[in-house]
């Protein structure tokens, strides 16, 4: 036999031995051999699994709390929150015109009057005048203020 053929037989023998080792490892994995209590890889995976389950429970509680909360979240826009509150107040104070009047919230031009203002009084007076209801913008503004619900943000 030539030297090349002998080398090929050795390689073939090594490959066959490796195939048998891999088949044995696959059989052991199927029969849960090697996954004993002292196995460091198994312990590492169990710890990681426990941590992930804990994170999942925290996230599920946070989702449940967020979806059940009627309070505005800390990352919600103050303008959106004010718009919602004043839309509700206008609907409460003037239900006959609330559908025709879009809520207008702007940044206040005069700091002593606050940071934001609702500029709907004039529009509501005009809509009420069309319905033959006589009132002035100051009275409309007072009624809107009285109808504003409590909010932790304002």
C-alpha atoms as a PDB file:
ATOM      1  CA  UNK A   1       0.000   0.000   0.000  1.00  0.00           C
ATOM      2  CA  UNK A   2       1.170   3.401  -0.735  1.00  0.00           C
ATOM      3  CA  UNK A   3       1.775   6.022   1.876  1.00  0.00           C
ATOM      4  CA  UNK A   4      -1.057   8.211   0.592  1.00  0.00           C
ATOM      5  CA  UNK A   5      -3.608   5.436   0.955  1.00  0.00           C
ATOM      6  CA  UNK A   6      -2.458   4.727   4.528  1.00  0.00           C
ATOM      7  CA  UNK A   7      -2.868   8.405   5.413  1.00  0.00           C
ATOM      8  CA  UNK A   8      -6.377   8.423   3.934  1.00  0.00           C
ATOM      9  CA  UNK A   9      -7.278   5.329   6.010  1.00  0.00           C
ATOM     10  CA  UNK A  10      -6.073   7.093   9.169  1.00  0.00           C
ATOM     11  CA  UNK A  11      -8.129  10.167   8.329  1.00  0.00           C
ATOM     12  CA  UNK A  12     -11.119   7.971   7.608  1.00  0.00           C
ATOM     13  CA  UNK A  13     -10.650   6.219  10.957  1.00  0.00           C
ATOM     14  CA  UNK A  14     -10.455   9.562  12.765  1.00  0.00           C
ATOM     15  CA  UNK A  15     -13.618  10.795  11.034  1.00  0.00           C
ATOM     16  CA  UNK A  16     -15.472   7.575  11.918  1.00  0.00           C
ATOM     17  CA  UNK A  17     -14.346   7.892  15.568  1.00  0.00           C
ATOM     18  CA  UNK A  18     -15.559  11.495  15.660  1.00  0.00           C
ATOM     19  CA  UNK A  19     -18.900  10.462  14.153  1.00  0.00           C
ATOM     20  CA  UNK A  20     -19.324   7.812  16.881  1.00  0.00           C
ATOM     21  CA  UNK A  21     -18.500  10.374  19.579  1.00  0.00           C
ATOM     22  CA  UNK A  22     -21.055  12.811  18.171  1.00  0.00           C
ATOM     23  CA  UNK A  23     -23.689  10.072  17.953  1.00  0.00           C
ATOM     24  CA  UNK A  24     -23.000   9.124  21.580  1.00  0.00           C
ATOM     25  CA  UNK A  25     -23.299  12.789  22.631  1.00  0.00           C
ATOM     26  CA  UNK A  26     -26.632  13.079  20.795  1.00  0.00           C
ATOM     27  CA  UNK A  27     -27.920   9.886  22.452  1.00  0.00           C
ATOM     28  CA  UNK A  28     -26.795  11.159  25.867  1.00  0.00           C
ATOM     29  CA  UNK A  29     -28.579  14.471  25.304  1.00  0.00           C
ATOM     30  CA  UNK A  30     -31.760  12.651  24.295  1.00  0.00           C
ATOM     31  CA  UNK A  31     -31.576  10.523  27.458  1.00  0.00           C
ATOM     32  CA  UNK A  32     -30.719  13.510  29.701  1.00  0.00           C
ATOM     33  CA  UNK A  33     -27.299  12.063  30.480  1.00  0.00           C
ATOM     34  CA  UNK A  34     -24.805  14.752  31.441  1.00  0.00           C
ATOM     35  CA  UNK A  35     -27.469  17.085  32.816  1.00  0.00           C
ATOM     36  CA  UNK A  36     -26.921  16.105  36.424  1.00  0.00           C
ATOM     37  CA  UNK A  37     -27.166  18.528  39.310  1.00  0.00           C
ATOM     38  CA  UNK A  38     -23.431  19.238  39.393  1.00  0.00           C
ATOM     39  CA  UNK A  39     -23.260  20.344  35.766  1.00  0.00           C
ATOM     40  CA  UNK A  40     -22.100  23.999  35.741  1.00  0.00           C
ATOM     41  CA  UNK A  41     -23.663  24.698  32.340  1.00  0.00           C
ATOM     42  CA  UNK A  42     -27.028  23.415  33.529  1.00  0.00           C
ATOM     43  CA  UNK A  43     -26.810  25.518  36.695  1.00  0.00           C
ATOM     44  CA  UNK A  44     -25.930  28.606  34.667  1.00  0.00           C
ATOM     45  CA  UNK A  45     -28.913  28.062  32.369  1.00  0.00           C
ATOM     46  CA  UNK A  46     -31.247  27.478  35.324  1.00  0.00           C
ATOM     47  CA  UNK A  47     -30.123  30.733  36.975  1.00  0.00           C
ATOM     48  CA  UNK A  48     -30.604  32.621  33.713  1.00  0.00           C
ATOM     49  CA  UNK A  49     -34.057  31.070  33.292  1.00  0.00           C
ATOM     50  CA  UNK A  50     -35.013  32.108  36.834  1.00  0.00           C
ATOM     51  CA  UNK A  51     -33.861  35.695  36.171  1.00  0.00           C
ATOM     52  CA  UNK A  52     -35.837  35.862  32.934  1.00  0.00           C
ATOM     53  CA  UNK A  53     -38.977  34.566  34.653  1.00  0.00           C
ATOM     54  CA  UNK A  54     -38.556  37.227  37.344  1.00  0.00           C
ATOM     55  CA  UNK A  55     -38.186  39.956  34.702  1.00  0.00           C
ATOM     56  CA  UNK A  56     -41.269  38.655  32.923  1.00  0.00           C
ATOM     57  CA  UNK A  57     -43.341  38.827  36.100  1.00  0.00           C
ATOM     58  CA  UNK A  58     -42.165  42.401  36.750  1.00  0.00           C
ATOM     59  CA  UNK A  59     -43.076  43.420  33.201  1.00  0.00           C
ATOM     60  CA  UNK A  60     -46.485  41.742  33.450  1.00  0.00           C
ATOM     61  CA  UNK A  61     -47.228  43.605  36.699  1.00  0.00           C
ATOM     62  CA  UNK A  62     -46.127  46.896  35.133  1.00  0.00           C
ATOM     63  CA  UNK A  63     -48.340  46.300  32.103  1.00  0.00           C
ATOM     64  CA  UNK A  64     -51.299  45.462  34.338  1.00  0.00           C
ATOM     65  CA  UNK A  65     -50.714  48.571  36.452  1.00  0.00           C
ATOM     66  CA  UNK A  66     -50.331  50.799  33.399  1.00  0.00           C
ATOM     67  CA  UNK A  67     -53.419  49.494  31.627  1.00  0.00           C
ATOM     68  CA  UNK A  68     -55.525  49.716  34.795  1.00  0.00           C
ATOM     69  CA  UNK A  69     -54.374  53.207  35.657  1.00  0.00           C
ATOM     70  CA  UNK A  70     -56.561  56.160  34.801  1.00  0.00           C
ATOM     71  CA  UNK A  71     -53.858  58.548  35.965  1.00  0.00           C
ATOM     72  CA  UNK A  72     -51.810  60.229  33.256  1.00  0.00           C
ATOM     73  CA  UNK A  73     -48.386  58.697  32.887  1.00  0.00           C
ATOM     74  CA  UNK A  74     -45.254  60.653  33.665  1.00  0.00           C
ATOM     75  CA  UNK A  75     -44.175  60.621  30.053  1.00  0.00           C
ATOM     76  CA  UNK A  76     -47.479  61.869  28.610  1.00  0.00           C
ATOM     77  CA  UNK A  77     -47.571  65.350  27.159  1.00  0.00           C
ATOM     78  CA  UNK A  78     -48.930  68.085  29.417  1.00  0.00           C
ATOM     79  CA  UNK A  79     -50.602  69.699  26.399  1.00  0.00           C
ATOM     80  CA  UNK A  80     -52.389  66.451  25.541  1.00  0.00           C
ATOM     81  CA  UNK A  81     -53.483  66.073  29.142  1.00  0.00           C
ATOM     82  CA  UNK A  82     -54.742  69.675  29.330  1.00  0.00           C
ATOM     83  CA  UNK A  83     -56.525  69.248  26.013  1.00  0.00           C
ATOM     84  CA  UNK A  84     -58.322  66.147  27.340  1.00  0.00           C
ATOM     85  CA  UNK A  85     -59.275  67.845  30.610  1.00  0.00           C
ATOM     86  CA  UNK A  86     -60.600  71.014  28.997  1.00  0.00           C
ATOM     87  CA  UNK A  87     -62.455  69.078  26.300  1.00  0.00           C
ATOM     88  CA  UNK A  88     -64.205  67.218  29.107  1.00  0.00           C
ATOM     89  CA  UNK A  89     -64.872  70.470  31.013  1.00  0.00           C
ATOM     90  CA  UNK A  90     -66.354  72.181  27.935  1.00  0.00           C
ATOM     91  CA  UNK A  91     -68.547  69.141  27.267  1.00  0.00           C
ATOM     92  CA  UNK A  92     -69.762  69.253  30.874  1.00  0.00           C
ATOM     93  CA  UNK A  93     -70.352  73.012  31.033  1.00  0.00           C
ATOM     94  CA  UNK A  94     -71.742  73.507  27.505  1.00  0.00           C
ATOM     95  CA  UNK A  95     -73.019  70.214  26.067  1.00  0.00           C
ATOM     96  CA  UNK A  96     -75.071  72.012  23.402  1.00  0.00           C
ATOM     97  CA  UNK A  97     -71.947  73.391  21.653  1.00  0.00           C
ATOM     98  CA  UNK A  98     -69.132  71.024  22.664  1.00  0.00           C
ATOM     99  CA  UNK A  99     -69.189  69.115  19.365  1.00  0.00           C
ATOM    100  CA  UNK A 100     -68.749  72.323  17.345  1.00  0.00           C
ATOM    101  CA  UNK A 101     -65.864  73.792  19.357  1.00  0.00           C
ATOM    102  CA  UNK A 102     -62.350  72.326  19.150  1.00  0.00           C
ATOM    103  CA  UNK A 103     -60.394  72.796  22.373  1.00  0.00           C
ATOM    104  CA  UNK A 104     -57.617  75.390  22.086  1.00  0.00           C
ATOM    105  CA  UNK A 105     -54.781  75.170  24.642  1.00  0.00           C
ATOM    106  CA  UNK A 106     -51.843  77.564  24.222  1.00  0.00           C
ATOM    107  CA  UNK A 107     -48.796  78.657  26.147  1.00  0.00           C
ATOM    108  CA  UNK A 108     -49.679  81.709  28.210  1.00  0.00           C
ATOM    109  CA  UNK A 109     -48.181  84.981  27.023  1.00  0.00           C
ATOM    110  CA  UNK A 110     -48.298  86.473  30.518  1.00  0.00           C
ATOM    111  CA  UNK A 111     -46.425  84.387  33.109  1.00  0.00           C
ATOM    112  CA  UNK A 112     -48.396  85.769  36.056  1.00  0.00           C
ATOM    113  CA  UNK A 113     -51.521  84.063  34.655  1.00  0.00           C
ATOM    114  CA  UNK A 114     -49.867  80.627  34.510  1.00  0.00           C
ATOM    115  CA  UNK A 115     -48.072  78.466  31.982  1.00  0.00           C
ATOM    116  CA  UNK A 116     -51.004  77.488  29.732  1.00  0.00           C
ATOM    117  CA  UNK A 117     -54.432  78.858  28.900  1.00  0.00           C
ATOM    118  CA  UNK A 118     -57.653  77.618  27.332  1.00  0.00           C
ATOM    119  CA  UNK A 119     -58.844  80.007  24.619  1.00  0.00           C
ATOM    120  CA  UNK A 120     -62.360  78.743  23.929  1.00  0.00           C
ATOM    121  CA  UNK A 121     -64.548  81.307  25.687  1.00  0.00           C
ATOM    122  CA  UNK A 122     -65.034  83.577  22.643  1.00  0.00           C
ATOM    123  CA  UNK A 123     -65.858  80.668  20.329  1.00  0.00           C
ATOM    124  CA  UNK A 124     -68.379  79.293  22.801  1.00  0.00           C
ATOM    125  CA  UNK A 125     -70.017  82.730  23.221  1.00  0.00           C
ATOM    126  CA  UNK A 126     -70.418  82.951  19.428  1.00  0.00           C
ATOM    127  CA  UNK A 127     -71.930  79.451  19.241  1.00  0.00           C
ATOM    128  CA  UNK A 128     -74.284  80.235  22.136  1.00  0.00           C
ATOM    129  CA  UNK A 129     -75.285  83.516  20.474  1.00  0.00           C
ATOM    130  CA  UNK A 130     -76.260  81.509  17.370  1.00  0.00           C
ATOM    131  CA  UNK A 131     -78.501  79.443  19.662  1.00  0.00           C
ATOM    132  CA  UNK A 132     -80.041  82.664  21.114  1.00  0.00           C
ATOM    133  CA  UNK A 133     -78.295  82.255  24.479  1.00  0.00           C
ATOM    134  CA  UNK A 134     -76.920  85.559  25.764  1.00  0.00           C
ATOM    135  CA  UNK A 135     -73.756  85.407  27.881  1.00  0.00           C
ATOM    136  CA  UNK A 136     -70.312  86.971  28.039  1.00  0.00           C
ATOM    137  CA  UNK A 137     -66.835  85.400  27.707  1.00  0.00           C
ATOM    138  CA  UNK A 138     -66.029  85.870  31.397  1.00  0.00           C
ATOM    139  CA  UNK A 139     -69.089  83.855  32.492  1.00  0.00           C
ATOM    140  CA  UNK A 140     -68.228  81.145  29.961  1.00  0.00           C
ATOM    141  CA  UNK A 141     -64.635  80.981  31.263  1.00  0.00           C
ATOM    142  CA  UNK A 142     -65.843  80.713  34.869  1.00  0.00           C
ATOM    143  CA  UNK A 143     -68.228  77.865  33.962  1.00  0.00           C
ATOM    144  CA  UNK A 144     -65.418  76.023  32.169  1.00  0.00           C
ATOM    145  CA  UNK A 145     -63.109  76.480  35.177  1.00  0.00           C
ATOM    146  CA  UNK A 146     -65.790  75.124  37.508  1.00  0.00           C
ATOM    147  CA  UNK A 147     -66.234  72.063  35.290  1.00  0.00           C
ATOM    148  CA  UNK A 148     -62.516  71.192  35.113  1.00  0.00           C
ATOM    149  CA  UNK A 149     -62.016  67.824  36.858  1.00  0.00           C
ATOM    150  CA  UNK A 150     -59.264  67.277  39.421  1.00  0.00           C
ATOM    151  CA  UNK A 151     -55.952  66.150  38.017  1.00  0.00           C
ATOM    152  CA  UNK A 152     -52.595  65.380  39.633  1.00  0.00           C
ATOM    153  CA  UNK A 153     -50.812  67.246  36.841  1.00  0.00           C
ATOM    154  CA  UNK A 154     -52.542  70.596  37.367  1.00  0.00           C
END
